[in-house]
Amino acid sequence: MKIYRYPTKETWKDLIKRPVLEQKEISGLITEIFAEVEKNGDQALIEFNKKFDKAETESIKVSDAEIQEAENQINADLREAIQQAKENISTFHASQKQEIQKIETTKGVVCWRENRAVERVGIYIPGGTAPLFSTVLMLAIPANLAGCKEIVLCTPPDKNGNINPAILYAAKRCGVTEIFKTGGAQAIAAMTLGTESIPAVHKIFGPGNQFVVAGKEYAQRYRVAIDMPAGPSEVLVIADEQAVPEFCAADLLSQAEHGSDSQVVFVTTDLKVFEETVEAVEQQIKDLPRNEFAGLALESSSFILVGSLDEALEFSNLYAPEHLILAVSDFERYIPEIQNAGSVFLGNYSCESAGDYASGTNHTLPTNAYAKNYSGVSLDSFVKKITFQHLSKEGLQNLGKTIELMAEAEGLFAHKNAVSIRLK
């Protein structure tokens, strides 16, 4: 862990840097993968399963029998937990629906906006060291609420050619229409281009490793939209003297265990909390099954002592974290100061894990400082907004002169004539 005590603002630009990923000629590999999938379709995916995941798969489509068998493998407690999370996520995202508002901008001129669902969406679910069935809930639930007609899910199989049963169970519960055994950039290529089995989608969602991220970026060349640029997971915790060091340490480690490229940052105004949190991290990491990942992540993470909470918030806005935790006594006072963050957790008992699983907010969030200009996934992510306008005869008479003058000033006389011919 990197320790900084009262760093000057001149050094902040170095403190907010994320770990740099080795590119390993990724661009060329992505191009090759897309070309192979475009040429050989399903067979290319079967070969990639063998090459990248050491998995033997005769068919890439998950059958109804496999989905039913997965349900039998999920114990009652987990089924109940998934159900409660589903209800909370549904409640929060359903609240984002908006009524149509018709606005008369000028007498006789009425404008409004309506939502239309993205008809076919693809969701990518990582399946390697941590099969993220919770991400199925976070993506499929708002897709369903938005009215997407087709929800296509791709996730890598294990060495036996199977999908984690919790992923299959969550997919069935949330209305996913088709599930396929393919991962990595090849899955993104399949959802972008389409194969014999996998339909080409209009927008792709979901987290993944650097190959998945690069694949999503490449997909945009084919006029396929993506949810947001994404990278390794991260959290920034701000603490004052009333913060509980053990809680802070647990939150930091909950992100560090995602992977060796994750980053955690701890910022506090209190020396005692600072020292005790560092000690708690060193103690708690010993008991984690994924302590190797967490340990590597901590090597590029920072523990920072600052002079005031205002200074801590200023640093946080510069860093623009995916997750921000305010473990401070008067957090309401500081909410207006938060400008850049994916999702915010307030007080000692709002652990980041709540947002990851079951509080109701979405955990698909901007990372790598993209919180400065991107929002996390919401109901809006799955819809397009179409504007409408209706001008009555009176409305055009009231607005026509304005349009004519502006069109003529721009030298666009056909635009002017479209009004003038009606006014005559």
Protein backbone atom coordinates (compact mmCIF):
# COMPACT_ATOMS: atom_id res chain seq x y z
CA MET A 1 0.00 0.00 0.00
CA LYS A 2 1.17 3.49 -0.84
CA ILE A 3 0.97 5.87 2.12
CA TYR A 4 0.69 9.65 1.67
CA ARG A 5 0.48 12.18 4.50
CA TYR A 6 -0.82 15.63 3.57
CA PRO A 7 0.23 15.52 -0.10
CA THR A 8 0.32 18.89 -1.85
CA LYS A 9 -2.20 19.56 -4.60
CA GLU A 10 0.64 19.66 -7.10
CA THR A 11 1.11 15.92 -6.53
CA TRP A 12 -2.56 14.99 -6.94
CA LYS A 13 -2.29 14.44 -10.68
CA ASP A 14 0.05 11.53 -9.91
CA LEU A 15 -2.13 10.17 -7.09
CA ILE A 16 -5.24 9.89 -9.30
CA LYS A 17 -3.55 7.74 -11.95
CA ARG A 18 -5.02 4.29 -12.53
CA PRO A 19 -2.90 1.18 -13.09
CA VAL A 20 -1.80 1.03 -16.71
CA LEU A 21 -2.81 -2.19 -18.44
CA GLU A 22 -0.40 -3.84 -20.83
CA GLN A 23 -2.02 -3.74 -24.25
CA LYS A 24 -0.26 -6.86 -25.57
CA GLU A 25 -1.16 -6.05 -29.16
CA ILE A 26 -4.84 -6.15 -28.22
CA SER A 27 -6.03 -4.13 -31.22
CA GLY A 28 -4.66 -6.62 -33.73
CA LEU A 29 -6.09 -9.57 -31.83
CA ILE A 30 -9.53 -7.96 -31.63
CA THR A 31 -9.53 -7.36 -35.38
CA GLU A 32 -8.59 -11.02 -36.00
CA ILE A 33 -11.31 -12.28 -33.65
CA PHE A 34 -14.02 -10.19 -35.31
CA ALA A 35 -12.90 -11.33 -38.75
CA GLU A 36 -12.95 -14.99 -37.71
CA VAL A 37 -16.42 -14.73 -36.16
CA GLU A 38 -17.72 -12.91 -39.24
CA LYS A 39 -16.32 -15.65 -41.48
CA ASN A 40 -17.07 -18.83 -39.49
CA GLY A 41 -19.86 -17.90 -37.09
CA ASP A 42 -20.77 -20.50 -34.46
CA GLN A 43 -17.84 -22.74 -35.37
CA ALA A 44 -15.43 -19.92 -34.65
CA LEU A 45 -16.98 -19.49 -31.20
CA ILE A 46 -16.67 -23.22 -30.48
CA GLU A 47 -13.00 -23.07 -31.45
CA PHE A 48 -12.42 -19.96 -29.33
CA ASN A 49 -14.06 -21.71 -26.36
CA LYS A 50 -11.47 -24.44 -26.73
CA LYS A 51 -8.57 -22.01 -27.26
CA PHE A 52 -9.27 -19.40 -24.59
CA ASP A 53 -11.40 -21.21 -21.98
CA LYS A 54 -10.21 -24.82 -22.49
CA ALA A 55 -13.89 -25.71 -22.88
CA GLU A 56 -15.43 -28.36 -25.11
CA THR A 57 -18.81 -27.18 -26.41
CA GLU A 58 -20.75 -29.01 -29.10
CA SER A 59 -23.36 -26.26 -29.21
CA ILE A 60 -23.10 -22.67 -28.01
CA LYS A 61 -26.80 -22.22 -27.27
CA VAL A 62 -27.93 -23.08 -23.75
CA SER A 63 -30.87 -25.48 -23.88
CA ASP A 64 -34.08 -25.31 -21.84
CA ALA A 65 -33.04 -28.55 -20.14
CA GLU A 66 -29.78 -26.94 -18.96
CA ILE A 67 -31.68 -23.96 -17.58
CA GLN A 68 -34.10 -26.23 -15.73
CA GLU A 69 -31.25 -28.31 -14.31
CA ALA A 70 -29.55 -25.11 -13.08
CA GLU A 71 -32.66 -24.16 -11.14
CA ASN A 72 -32.51 -27.49 -9.33
CA GLN A 73 -28.92 -26.75 -8.29
CA ILE A 74 -29.74 -23.44 -6.57
CA ASN A 75 -30.53 -23.80 -2.88
CA ALA A 76 -33.61 -22.19 -1.38
CA ASP A 77 -31.69 -19.50 0.53
CA LEU A 78 -29.95 -18.24 -2.60
CA ARG A 79 -33.21 -18.31 -4.56
CA GLU A 80 -34.79 -16.18 -1.84
CA ALA A 81 -31.84 -13.77 -1.85
CA ILE A 82 -32.02 -13.39 -5.63
CA GLN A 83 -35.76 -12.76 -5.38
CA GLN A 84 -35.34 -9.98 -2.80
CA ALA A 85 -32.59 -8.34 -4.84
CA LYS A 86 -34.77 -8.62 -7.95
CA GLU A 87 -37.67 -6.89 -6.18
CA ASN A 88 -35.50 -4.01 -4.93
CA ILE A 89 -33.77 -3.48 -8.28
CA SER A 90 -37.15 -3.60 -10.06
CA THR A 91 -38.69 -1.09 -7.65
CA PHE A 92 -35.84 1.40 -8.03
CA HIS A 93 -35.64 1.16 -11.82
CA ALA A 94 -39.42 1.20 -12.33
CA SER A 95 -39.46 4.56 -10.51
CA GLN A 96 -37.38 5.99 -13.39
CA LYS A 97 -40.26 5.72 -15.86
CA GLN A 98 -41.47 9.14 -16.99
CA GLU A 99 -44.90 10.29 -18.04
CA ILE A 100 -45.25 11.95 -21.45
CA GLN A 101 -45.44 15.72 -21.10
CA LYS A 102 -46.86 17.75 -23.98
CA ILE A 103 -45.54 21.31 -23.96
CA GLU A 104 -47.09 24.18 -25.91
CA THR A 105 -44.01 26.27 -26.72
CA THR A 106 -45.97 28.80 -28.79
CA LYS A 107 -49.74 29.05 -29.24
CA GLY A 108 -50.58 26.21 -31.63
CA VAL A 109 -47.13 24.55 -31.40
CA VAL A 110 -47.04 21.43 -29.23
CA CYS A 111 -43.84 19.41 -28.57
CA TRP A 112 -43.23 16.27 -26.57
CA ARG A 113 -40.91 13.32 -26.16
CA GLU A 114 -41.62 9.58 -25.99
CA ASN A 115 -39.46 6.58 -25.10
CA ARG A 116 -38.96 3.58 -27.36
CA ALA A 117 -37.07 0.54 -26.13
CA VAL A 118 -33.90 -0.60 -27.86
CA GLU A 119 -35.43 -3.63 -29.56
CA ARG A 120 -32.57 -6.11 -29.19
CA VAL A 121 -29.88 -5.80 -26.52
CA GLY A 122 -26.91 -7.99 -25.63
CA ILE A 123 -25.60 -8.43 -22.12
CA TYR A 124 -22.17 -9.81 -21.35
CA ILE A 125 -21.64 -11.61 -18.03
CA PRO A 126 -18.10 -12.51 -16.88
CA GLY A 127 -17.82 -16.10 -15.78
CA GLY A 128 -14.18 -16.70 -14.84
CA THR A 129 -12.92 -16.45 -11.27
CA ALA A 130 -16.11 -14.64 -10.21
CA PRO A 131 -19.29 -15.56 -12.14
CA LEU A 132 -21.27 -12.34 -11.75
CA PHE A 133 -24.87 -13.52 -11.69
CA SER A 134 -25.73 -10.26 -9.89
CA THR A 135 -24.91 -8.42 -13.13
CA VAL A 136 -27.65 -10.44 -14.86
CA LEU A 137 -30.13 -8.79 -12.49
CA MET A 138 -28.63 -5.33 -12.99
CA LEU A 139 -28.92 -5.51 -16.79
CA ALA A 140 -31.85 -7.79 -17.59
CA ILE A 141 -34.28 -6.19 -15.12
CA PRO A 142 -34.13 -2.65 -16.56
CA ALA A 143 -34.07 -4.11 -20.08
CA ASN A 144 -37.34 -5.86 -19.33
CA LEU A 145 -38.88 -2.82 -17.67
CA ALA A 146 -37.91 -0.70 -20.69
CA GLY A 147 -39.68 -3.17 -23.00
CA CYS A 148 -36.72 -4.58 -24.95
CA LYS A 149 -38.11 -7.34 -27.18
CA GLU A 150 -34.99 -9.51 -27.16
CA ILE A 151 -32.37 -9.83 -24.40
CA VAL A 152 -29.39 -11.91 -25.51
CA LEU A 153 -26.90 -13.09 -22.89
CA CYS A 154 -23.37 -14.33 -23.54
CA THR A 155 -21.09 -15.77 -20.86
CA PRO A 156 -18.04 -18.07 -21.02
CA PRO A 157 -18.45 -21.78 -20.21
CA ASP A 158 -16.32 -23.70 -17.71
CA LYS A 159 -13.94 -26.47 -18.80
CA ASN A 160 -16.84 -28.90 -18.96
CA GLY A 161 -18.80 -26.66 -21.28
CA ASN A 162 -21.30 -25.61 -18.59
CA ILE A 163 -22.54 -22.23 -17.40
CA ASN A 164 -22.61 -21.34 -13.71
CA PRO A 165 -26.11 -22.36 -12.51
CA ALA A 166 -26.69 -19.07 -10.65
CA ILE A 167 -26.20 -17.16 -13.92
CA LEU A 168 -28.73 -19.39 -15.69
CA TYR A 169 -31.22 -19.16 -12.82
CA ALA A 170 -30.98 -15.35 -12.64
CA ALA A 171 -31.31 -15.11 -16.43
CA LYS A 172 -34.51 -17.13 -16.40
CA ARG A 173 -35.96 -15.12 -13.51
CA CYS A 174 -35.25 -11.81 -15.25
CA GLY A 175 -36.62 -12.59 -18.69
CA VAL A 176 -33.47 -13.16 -20.75
CA THR A 177 -34.66 -14.57 -24.07
CA GLU A 178 -31.55 -16.48 -25.22
CA ILE A 179 -28.31 -17.57 -23.52
CA PHE A 180 -25.06 -18.54 -25.25
CA LYS A 181 -21.81 -20.18 -24.18
CA THR A 182 -19.19 -17.78 -25.39
CA GLY A 183 -16.97 -15.25 -23.65
CA GLY A 184 -14.30 -12.65 -24.24
CA ALA A 185 -14.01 -10.45 -27.31
CA GLN A 186 -15.47 -13.27 -29.43
CA ALA A 187 -18.79 -12.96 -27.59
CA ILE A 188 -18.84 -9.24 -28.28
CA ALA A 189 -18.05 -9.95 -31.94
CA ALA A 190 -20.91 -12.47 -32.12
CA MET A 191 -23.44 -10.02 -30.65
CA THR A 192 -22.15 -7.32 -32.99
CA LEU A 193 -22.08 -9.28 -36.24
CA GLY A 194 -24.54 -12.09 -35.58
CA THR A 195 -23.92 -15.81 -36.22
CA GLU A 196 -26.13 -18.76 -37.15
CA SER A 197 -27.35 -18.90 -33.53
CA ILE A 198 -26.67 -15.48 -32.01
CA PRO A 199 -28.67 -12.54 -33.34
CA ALA A 200 -26.90 -9.24 -33.96
CA VAL A 201 -27.95 -6.75 -31.30
CA HIS A 202 -28.30 -2.96 -31.30
CA LYS A 203 -26.58 -2.22 -27.99
CA ILE A 204 -24.17 -4.19 -25.78
CA PHE A 205 -23.97 -3.99 -21.99
CA GLY A 206 -21.81 -5.50 -19.30
CA PRO A 207 -18.37 -5.55 -17.69
CA GLY A 208 -15.37 -7.68 -18.60
CA ASN A 209 -11.61 -7.89 -18.86
CA GLN A 210 -9.48 -5.73 -21.14
CA PHE A 211 -10.30 -7.93 -24.16
CA VAL A 212 -14.06 -7.52 -23.59
CA VAL A 213 -13.61 -3.76 -23.15
CA ALA A 214 -11.56 -3.55 -26.35
CA GLY A 215 -14.17 -5.67 -28.15
CA LYS A 216 -16.95 -3.30 -27.10
CA GLU A 217 -14.96 -0.32 -28.33
CA TYR A 218 -14.40 -2.10 -31.66
CA ALA A 219 -18.10 -2.98 -31.93
CA GLN A 220 -18.95 0.70 -32.28
CA ARG A 221 -17.35 0.65 -35.74
CA TYR A 222 -20.31 -1.50 -36.79
CA ARG A 223 -22.84 1.05 -35.48
CA VAL A 224 -23.53 -1.01 -32.38
CA ALA A 225 -23.89 1.09 -29.23
CA ILE A 226 -22.38 0.20 -25.84
CA ASP A 227 -23.36 1.11 -22.30
CA MET A 228 -20.15 3.00 -21.42
CA PRO A 229 -16.36 2.72 -21.49
CA ALA A 230 -15.37 0.44 -18.64
CA GLY A 231 -12.29 -0.76 -16.84
CA PRO A 232 -11.21 -2.40 -13.58
CA SER A 233 -13.34 -1.85 -10.47
CA GLU A 234 -12.49 0.91 -7.99
CA VAL A 235 -13.62 2.55 -4.76
CA LEU A 236 -12.69 5.72 -2.89
CA VAL A 237 -13.50 5.91 0.83
CA ILE A 238 -13.58 9.25 2.65
CA ALA A 239 -13.52 8.98 6.45
CA ASP A 240 -13.52 11.35 9.41
CA GLU A 241 -12.89 10.70 13.11
CA GLN A 242 -16.20 8.86 13.64
CA ALA A 243 -15.57 6.29 10.86
CA VAL A 244 -15.15 2.65 11.88
CA PRO A 245 -11.71 1.48 10.64
CA GLU A 246 -12.82 -2.16 10.38
CA PHE A 247 -15.73 -1.13 8.14
CA CYS A 248 -13.50 1.04 5.96
CA ALA A 249 -10.99 -1.78 5.56
CA ALA A 250 -13.74 -4.24 4.61
CA ASP A 251 -15.07 -1.87 1.92
CA LEU A 252 -11.60 -1.34 0.48
CA LEU A 253 -10.95 -5.07 0.31
CA SER A 254 -14.38 -5.78 -1.21
CA GLN A 255 -13.20 -3.96 -4.32
CA ALA A 256 -9.58 -5.09 -4.18
CA GLU A 257 -10.67 -8.74 -4.40
CA HIS A 258 -12.25 -8.17 -7.82
CA GLY A 259 -8.87 -8.49 -9.47
CA SER A 260 -5.23 -7.50 -9.43
CA ASP A 261 -6.00 -4.49 -11.64
CA SER A 262 -8.62 -3.06 -9.26
CA GLN A 263 -7.79 0.11 -7.36
CA VAL A 264 -8.84 1.30 -3.90
CA VAL A 265 -8.20 4.72 -2.38
CA PHE A 266 -8.64 5.70 1.27
CA VAL A 267 -8.75 9.38 2.23
CA THR A 268 -9.17 10.53 5.84
CA THR A 269 -8.77 13.58 8.00
CA ASP A 270 -8.02 11.61 11.18
CA LEU A 271 -4.59 10.13 11.95
CA LYS A 272 -5.97 7.49 14.36
CA VAL A 273 -8.56 6.26 11.83
CA PHE A 274 -5.84 6.34 9.17
CA GLU A 275 -3.46 4.09 11.11
CA GLU A 276 -6.18 1.73 12.36
CA THR A 277 -7.64 1.28 8.87
CA VAL A 278 -4.24 0.36 7.44
CA GLU A 279 -3.83 -2.16 10.27
CA ALA A 280 -7.36 -3.55 9.74
CA VAL A 281 -6.67 -4.06 6.02
CA GLU A 282 -3.51 -6.00 6.84
CA GLN A 283 -5.44 -8.21 9.26
CA GLN A 284 -8.58 -8.81 7.20
CA ILE A 285 -6.79 -9.66 3.98
CA LYS A 286 -5.25 -12.74 5.62
CA ASP A 287 -8.67 -14.43 5.83
CA LEU A 288 -9.81 -13.75 2.26
CA PRO A 289 -9.91 -16.67 -0.21
CA ARG A 290 -9.05 -14.17 -2.96
CA ASN A 291 -6.28 -12.48 -0.97
CA GLU A 292 -3.79 -12.89 -3.80
CA PHE A 293 -5.92 -10.70 -6.09
CA ALA A 294 -6.56 -8.23 -3.28
CA GLY A 295 -2.88 -8.05 -2.38
CA LEU A 296 -1.86 -7.23 -5.93
CA ALA A 297 -4.58 -4.57 -6.16
CA LEU A 298 -3.34 -2.94 -2.95
CA GLU A 299 0.09 -2.48 -4.47
CA SER A 300 -1.34 0.21 -6.76
CA SER A 301 -3.71 1.66 -4.18
CA SER A 302 -3.32 4.72 -1.97
CA PHE A 303 -3.96 5.65 1.65
CA ILE A 304 -4.03 9.42 1.99
CA LEU A 305 -4.16 11.71 5.04
CA VAL A 306 -5.57 15.19 4.30
CA GLY A 307 -6.32 18.33 6.30
CA SER A 308 -10.10 18.66 5.81
CA LEU A 309 -13.17 16.95 4.37
CA ASP A 310 -13.53 19.75 1.81
CA GLU A 311 -10.04 18.87 0.59
CA ALA A 312 -10.99 15.17 0.53
CA LEU A 313 -14.06 15.92 -1.63
CA GLU A 314 -11.97 18.07 -3.96
CA PHE A 315 -9.56 15.16 -4.41
CA SER A 316 -12.45 12.74 -4.96
CA ASN A 317 -13.97 14.91 -7.69
CA LEU A 318 -10.61 14.97 -9.44
CA TYR A 319 -10.28 11.17 -9.15
CA ALA A 320 -13.96 10.59 -10.19
CA PRO A 321 -14.42 7.16 -8.56
CA GLU A 322 -16.74 4.40 -9.68
CA HIS A 323 -17.83 3.96 -6.04
CA LEU A 324 -17.57 6.70 -3.41
CA ILE A 325 -18.15 6.00 0.29
CA LEU A 326 -18.65 8.91 2.71
CA ALA A 327 -17.95 7.43 6.15
CA VAL A 328 -18.42 10.81 7.81
CA SER A 329 -20.78 12.09 10.51
CA ASP A 330 -22.50 14.95 8.65
CA PHE A 331 -22.63 13.42 5.19
CA GLU A 332 -25.78 15.35 4.15
CA ARG A 333 -23.74 18.56 4.26
CA TYR A 334 -21.22 17.23 1.75
CA ILE A 335 -23.62 15.75 -0.83
CA PRO A 336 -23.82 19.02 -2.86
CA GLU A 337 -20.02 18.98 -3.17
CA ILE A 338 -19.99 15.64 -4.98
CA GLN A 339 -19.59 16.29 -8.70
CA ASN A 340 -17.99 13.16 -10.14
CA ALA A 341 -18.88 9.65 -8.92
CA GLY A 342 -20.63 6.59 -10.29
CA SER A 343 -22.55 5.69 -7.13
CA VAL A 344 -22.32 7.12 -3.59
CA PHE A 345 -22.70 5.32 -0.25
CA LEU A 346 -23.49 7.45 2.80
CA GLY A 347 -22.60 6.72 6.44
CA ASN A 348 -20.96 3.87 8.28
CA TYR A 349 -23.59 1.26 7.42
CA SER A 350 -23.92 1.89 3.66
CA CYS A 351 -21.45 -0.72 2.50
CA GLU A 352 -20.58 -0.77 -1.19
CA SER A 353 -21.67 -4.42 -1.35
CA ALA A 354 -25.29 -3.27 -0.85
CA GLY A 355 -25.21 -1.47 -4.19
CA ASP A 356 -23.43 -4.39 -5.82
CA TYR A 357 -26.22 -6.77 -4.94
CA ALA A 358 -29.51 -5.78 -3.47
CA SER A 359 -30.21 -2.17 -2.40
CA GLY A 360 -31.79 -1.44 -5.78
CA THR A 361 -29.32 0.89 -7.51
CA ASN A 362 -27.40 -0.37 -10.52
CA HIS A 363 -23.83 -1.62 -10.12
CA THR A 364 -22.86 -1.18 -13.79
CA LEU A 365 -20.94 2.07 -13.38
CA PRO A 366 -18.33 4.23 -15.12
CA THR A 367 -14.73 3.56 -14.10
CA ASN A 368 -11.32 5.01 -14.96
CA ALA A 369 -12.51 8.62 -14.32
CA TYR A 370 -15.38 8.29 -16.81
CA ALA A 371 -17.70 9.33 -13.97
CA LYS A 372 -16.78 12.86 -15.09
CA ASN A 373 -18.92 12.43 -18.20
CA TYR A 374 -20.89 9.15 -17.99
CA SER A 375 -23.71 7.89 -15.78
CA GLY A 376 -24.20 4.35 -14.56
CA VAL A 377 -26.71 2.05 -16.24
CA SER A 378 -30.35 2.99 -15.66
CA LEU A 379 -33.72 2.51 -17.33
CA ASP A 380 -32.72 5.29 -19.75
CA SER A 381 -29.82 3.14 -20.97
CA PHE A 382 -32.29 0.78 -22.64
CA VAL A 383 -34.47 3.32 -24.40
CA LYS A 384 -34.23 5.88 -27.19
CA LYS A 385 -36.01 9.18 -26.79
CA ILE A 386 -37.95 10.42 -29.82
CA THR A 387 -39.24 13.99 -30.04
CA PHE A 388 -42.61 14.86 -31.62
CA GLN A 389 -44.16 18.16 -32.63
CA HIS A 390 -47.52 19.21 -34.00
CA LEU A 391 -48.10 22.65 -35.51
CA SER A 392 -51.65 23.74 -36.21
CA LYS A 393 -52.36 26.32 -38.93
CA GLU A 394 -52.41 28.94 -36.20
CA GLY A 395 -49.16 27.59 -34.78
CA LEU A 396 -47.32 27.97 -38.09
CA GLN A 397 -48.69 31.49 -38.49
CA ASN A 398 -47.37 32.37 -35.04
CA LEU A 399 -43.91 30.83 -35.59
CA GLY A 400 -43.50 31.12 -39.37
CA LYS A 401 -41.86 34.54 -39.54
CA THR A 402 -39.19 33.47 -37.04
CA ILE A 403 -38.36 30.37 -39.08
CA GLU A 404 -38.25 32.33 -42.36
CA LEU A 405 -35.86 34.94 -40.97
CA MET A 406 -33.51 32.35 -39.49
CA ALA A 407 -33.48 30.16 -42.61
CA GLU A 408 -32.81 33.13 -44.88
CA ALA A 409 -29.97 34.31 -42.60
CA GLU A 410 -28.35 30.89 -42.99
CA GLY A 411 -28.81 30.96 -46.76
CA LEU A 412 -31.12 27.95 -46.74
CA PHE A 413 -33.96 29.18 -48.93
CA ALA A 414 -35.62 25.80 -49.40
CA HIS A 415 -36.05 25.72 -45.63
CA LYS A 416 -37.66 29.18 -45.81
CA ASN A 417 -39.90 28.14 -48.67
CA ALA A 418 -41.23 25.13 -46.73
CA VAL A 419 -42.76 27.72 -44.38
CA SER A 420 -43.63 30.41 -46.91
CA ILE A 421 -45.56 28.06 -49.21
CA ARG A 422 -47.77 27.10 -46.28
CA LEU A 423 -48.31 30.66 -45.11
CA LYS A 424 -49.46 31.63 -48.61
